[in-house]
Structures are given as C-alpha cells and as structure tokens.
Amino acid sequence: MWTDFEQGKLRRTGGMFGVAISGKGFFAVQTPDGVQYARNGTFARSNQGVLVNMLVQPVLDVGRAYRCTTFSQPLIDANGIIEGRDELLGIDKVLGVVR
C-alpha cells in the first residue's frame, strides 16, 4: 500500500465552496477518529453554516471548524487567507487561513 502525493490537474468545477491546493499542503478535517488530513477540496456549507467535506466532516482552521453561516462564496488568496462577504451586513470578513 502507498499514498500518491503527486499534484493533480487543477480544474474549475463551478462548486461554490470547492477549492484546490497548488503545491504542498493538506486540509485538516475533523472525523470520528480524530483530525485527519486530505487534499480533496470538494466542500459545502452545512445547514449549521459549517464548511464540511463530502462526508459532512468539518474542515478545520487551527483546531476549530470554519463557520460561514451568512457568507457568500469565499475567496482564498495566494497566502491561503479565506475571506467571505457577510450577506446580512455587506462587509468582507476573514473566515480563516488554509495552512
């Protein structure tokens, strides 16, 4: 058994919360067995406003789940800073950082 860490081809999926990692790095995800790391960036917003993967496991930012209850599509810059526009207040806010 082995793990392939090669970079996959980046492509636009049109998913509002879909992201990709270019180069090294992982997403931290809270699972029933503890924190695990993944490169799959197919995410969604849960009914509770938490950023989750396709298994409905919270995506973590320094040990806490990203909350995006009233935020529109997030923007992630080259430094990994995630911002979203608060749909109620109409202001941009930093939601977290992809490490």
Protein backbone atom coordinates (compact mmCIF):
# COMPACT_ATOMS: atom_id res chain seq x y z
CA MET A 1 0.00 0.00 0.00
CA TRP A 2 1.23 3.51 -0.77
CA THR A 3 0.00 7.08 -0.96
CA ASP A 4 0.37 9.19 -4.09
CA PHE A 5 1.23 12.79 -3.17
CA GLU A 6 1.62 13.99 -6.77
CA GLN A 7 -0.14 17.21 -7.79
CA GLY A 8 -3.36 16.54 -9.69
CA LYS A 9 -4.58 18.72 -12.53
CA LEU A 10 -6.35 21.86 -11.30
CA ARG A 11 -9.74 22.44 -12.87
CA ARG A 12 -12.69 24.74 -12.30
CA THR A 13 -15.70 22.77 -11.07
CA GLY A 14 -18.15 25.63 -10.51
CA GLY A 15 -18.79 24.48 -6.94
CA MET A 16 -19.25 27.49 -4.67
CA PHE A 17 -17.07 26.03 -1.90
CA GLY A 18 -14.71 23.90 -4.00
CA VAL A 19 -11.02 24.71 -3.56
CA ALA A 20 -7.72 23.19 -4.67
CA ILE A 21 -4.24 23.08 -3.23
CA SER A 22 -1.46 24.01 -5.61
CA GLY A 23 1.81 22.59 -4.31
CA LYS A 24 2.31 21.18 -0.82
CA GLY A 25 -0.33 21.15 1.90
CA PHE A 26 -3.42 19.44 3.28
CA PHE A 27 -6.86 20.33 4.58
CA ALA A 28 -7.46 19.33 8.21
CA VAL A 29 -10.80 17.58 8.72
CA GLN A 30 -12.48 16.54 11.99
CA THR A 31 -13.53 12.87 11.80
CA PRO A 32 -14.98 10.49 14.40
CA ASP A 33 -11.42 9.08 14.72
CA GLY A 34 -9.82 12.49 15.25
CA VAL A 35 -8.23 15.01 12.92
CA GLN A 36 -7.27 13.63 9.51
CA TYR A 37 -5.67 15.33 6.52
CA ALA A 38 -6.87 15.38 2.92
CA ARG A 39 -6.17 17.12 -0.37
CA ASN A 40 -9.70 16.80 -1.74
CA GLY A 41 -11.20 20.30 -1.71
CA THR A 42 -14.79 19.41 -2.58
CA PHE A 43 -16.56 21.27 0.24
CA ALA A 44 -20.05 22.50 1.02
CA ARG A 45 -21.79 24.60 3.66
CA SER A 46 -23.82 22.53 6.13
CA ASN A 47 -27.27 23.53 7.41
CA GLN A 48 -25.48 24.85 10.52
CA GLY A 49 -23.20 27.07 8.40
CA VAL A 50 -20.07 24.95 8.83
CA LEU A 51 -17.67 24.22 5.96
CA VAL A 52 -17.72 20.43 5.51
CA ASN A 53 -16.33 17.79 3.15
CA MET A 54 -18.49 15.33 1.22
CA LEU A 55 -18.70 13.06 4.32
CA VAL A 56 -20.13 16.06 6.26
CA GLN A 57 -16.98 16.31 8.37
CA PRO A 58 -15.98 19.84 9.44
CA VAL A 59 -12.97 21.42 7.74
CA LEU A 60 -10.70 22.86 10.44
CA ASP A 61 -8.77 26.09 10.89
CA VAL A 62 -6.28 25.72 13.74
CA GLY A 63 -8.48 23.20 15.55
CA ARG A 64 -11.87 24.86 15.04
CA ALA A 65 -14.44 24.49 12.27
CA TYR A 66 -14.84 27.21 9.66
CA ARG A 67 -18.17 28.96 10.17
CA CYS A 68 -19.76 30.54 7.13
CA THR A 69 -23.40 30.91 8.12
CA THR A 70 -24.24 34.19 6.41
CA PHE A 71 -21.35 34.35 3.97
CA SER A 72 -21.44 34.16 0.20
CA GLN A 73 -18.82 32.37 -1.86
CA PRO A 74 -15.44 32.51 -0.09
CA LEU A 75 -12.32 33.87 -1.74
CA ILE A 76 -8.93 32.32 -0.97
CA ASP A 77 -5.85 34.36 -1.83
CA ALA A 78 -2.34 33.09 -2.66
CA ASN A 79 -1.41 33.23 1.05
CA GLY A 80 -4.30 30.94 1.99
CA ILE A 81 -6.38 33.65 3.67
CA ILE A 82 -10.09 32.88 3.31
CA GLU A 83 -12.48 35.82 3.10
CA GLY A 84 -16.22 35.92 2.67
CA ARG A 85 -18.81 38.66 2.23
CA ASP A 86 -21.35 38.73 5.04
CA GLU A 87 -24.66 38.66 3.15
CA LEU A 88 -26.50 40.40 6.00
CA LEU A 89 -24.03 43.22 6.69
CA GLY A 90 -22.47 43.56 3.22
CA ILE A 91 -18.89 43.55 4.54
CA ASP A 92 -15.92 41.27 3.84
CA LYS A 93 -14.52 39.28 6.74
CA VAL A 94 -11.58 36.92 7.18
CA LEU A 95 -13.01 33.44 7.86
CA GLY A 96 -9.72 31.61 8.38
CA VAL A 97 -6.47 30.51 6.83
CA VAL A 98 -5.65 27.38 4.85
CA ARG A 99 -2.38 26.08 6.29
